[in-house]
C-alpha cells in the first residue's frame, strides 16, 4: 500500500506542538483593518490552538505528524 500524502495546504497552515496539539493562525487580519481596533488586530496576530472537536479532522490531513 502506498504512503499517505500530507495535505499541502494543511502543512503550510498548521503546526504540531510538543504535546501533540495543533496550532493555527487566526482569520480576519488580511484587509478592512481600518475599522478594527488596535487591540483586535493585536489579538488576531497571535496563534491559537485548533478546537478539540476539530482535531481529529486535522490529524487526517497531517498523517505523518503524530
C-alpha atoms as a PDB file:
ATOM      1  CA  UNK A   1       0.000   0.000   0.000  1.00  0.00           C
ATOM      2  CA  UNK A   2       1.388   3.485  -0.833  1.00  0.00           C
ATOM      3  CA  UNK A   3       2.331   6.020   1.784  1.00  0.00           C
ATOM      4  CA  UNK A   4      -0.338   8.525   2.822  1.00  0.00           C
ATOM      5  CA  UNK A   5       0.277  12.003   1.490  1.00  0.00           C
ATOM      6  CA  UNK A   6       0.166  15.032   3.768  1.00  0.00           C
ATOM      7  CA  UNK A   7      -2.310  17.697   2.628  1.00  0.00           C
ATOM      8  CA  UNK A   8      -0.192  20.521   1.180  1.00  0.00           C
ATOM      9  CA  UNK A   9      -2.481  23.304   2.372  1.00  0.00           C
ATOM     10  CA  UNK A  10      -2.602  21.897   5.891  1.00  0.00           C
ATOM     11  CA  UNK A  11       1.161  21.558   6.265  1.00  0.00           C
ATOM     12  CA  UNK A  12       1.563  25.253   5.354  1.00  0.00           C
ATOM     13  CA  UNK A  13      -1.116  26.431   7.800  1.00  0.00           C
ATOM     14  CA  UNK A  14      -0.866  24.107  10.791  1.00  0.00           C
ATOM     15  CA  UNK A  15       1.904  23.158  13.219  1.00  0.00           C
ATOM     16  CA  UNK A  16       2.032  20.442  15.857  1.00  0.00           C
ATOM     17  CA  UNK A  17       3.184  21.361  19.372  1.00  0.00           C
ATOM     18  CA  UNK A  18       5.376  19.182  21.545  1.00  0.00           C
ATOM     19  CA  UNK A  19       2.376  17.896  23.471  1.00  0.00           C
ATOM     20  CA  UNK A  20       0.562  16.907  20.259  1.00  0.00           C
ATOM     21  CA  UNK A  21      -1.882  19.805  19.992  1.00  0.00           C
ATOM     22  CA  UNK A  22      -2.323  21.635  16.679  1.00  0.00           C
ATOM     23  CA  UNK A  23      -1.556  25.344  16.316  1.00  0.00           C
ATOM     24  CA  UNK A  24      -3.194  27.634  13.758  1.00  0.00           C
ATOM     25  CA  UNK A  25      -3.303  31.314  12.826  1.00  0.00           C
ATOM     26  CA  UNK A  26      -6.431  33.408  13.310  1.00  0.00           C
ATOM     27  CA  UNK A  27      -8.587  34.702  10.458  1.00  0.00           C
ATOM     28  CA  UNK A  28      -9.793  38.275   9.643  1.00  0.00           C
ATOM     29  CA  UNK A  29      -6.425  40.083   9.586  1.00  0.00           C
ATOM     30  CA  UNK A  30      -5.942  40.404   5.822  1.00  0.00           C
ATOM     31  CA  UNK A  31      -7.941  43.507   4.848  1.00  0.00           C
ATOM     32  CA  UNK A  32     -10.537  46.029   6.112  1.00  0.00           C
ATOM     33  CA  UNK A  33      -8.244  46.753   9.053  1.00  0.00           C
ATOM     34  CA  UNK A  34      -9.115  50.442   9.448  1.00  0.00           C
ATOM     35  CA  UNK A  35     -12.338  49.764  11.323  1.00  0.00           C
ATOM     36  CA  UNK A  36     -10.739  47.215  13.653  1.00  0.00           C
ATOM     37  CA  UNK A  37      -9.237  48.421  16.909  1.00  0.00           C
ATOM     38  CA  UNK A  38      -5.531  48.069  17.668  1.00  0.00           C
ATOM     39  CA  UNK A  39      -6.375  45.572  20.402  1.00  0.00           C
ATOM     40  CA  UNK A  40      -8.363  43.409  17.988  1.00  0.00           C
ATOM     41  CA  UNK A  41      -5.604  43.457  15.367  1.00  0.00           C
ATOM     42  CA  UNK A  42      -3.000  42.569  18.000  1.00  0.00           C
ATOM     43  CA  UNK A  43      -5.056  39.589  19.186  1.00  0.00           C
ATOM     44  CA  UNK A  44      -5.634  38.399  15.611  1.00  0.00           C
ATOM     45  CA  UNK A  45      -1.870  38.308  15.029  1.00  0.00           C
ATOM     46  CA  UNK A  46      -1.341  35.640  17.659  1.00  0.00           C
ATOM     47  CA  UNK A  47      -1.629  31.900  17.168  1.00  0.00           C
ATOM     48  CA  UNK A  48      -4.211  29.702  18.835  1.00  0.00           C
ATOM     49  CA  UNK A  49      -4.965  26.002  19.130  1.00  0.00           C
ATOM     50  CA  UNK A  50      -7.349  24.034  16.942  1.00  0.00           C
ATOM     51  CA  UNK A  51     -10.502  23.207  18.883  1.00  0.00           C
ATOM     52  CA  UNK A  52     -10.687  19.717  20.368  1.00  0.00           C
ATOM     53  CA  UNK A  53     -13.733  18.791  18.256  1.00  0.00           C
ATOM     54  CA  UNK A  54     -11.825  19.643  15.037  1.00  0.00           C
ATOM     55  CA  UNK A  55      -8.528  17.967  15.971  1.00  0.00           C
ATOM     56  CA  UNK A  56      -9.486  14.569  14.567  1.00  0.00           C
ATOM     57  CA  UNK A  57     -10.224  16.101  11.138  1.00  0.00           C
ATOM     58  CA  UNK A  58      -6.892  17.939  11.141  1.00  0.00           C
ATOM     59  CA  UNK A  59      -4.991  14.772  12.074  1.00  0.00           C
ATOM     60  CA  UNK A  60      -6.334  13.105   8.915  1.00  0.00           C
ATOM     61  CA  UNK A  61      -4.747  15.918   6.876  1.00  0.00           C
ATOM     62  CA  UNK A  62      -1.384  15.552   8.680  1.00  0.00           C
ATOM     63  CA  UNK A  63      -0.818  11.785   8.856  1.00  0.00           C
ATOM     64  CA  UNK A  64       2.967  11.857   9.417  1.00  0.00           C
ATOM     65  CA  UNK A  65       2.985  14.424  12.205  1.00  0.00           C
ATOM     66  CA  UNK A  66       1.707  12.175  15.004  1.00  0.00           C
END
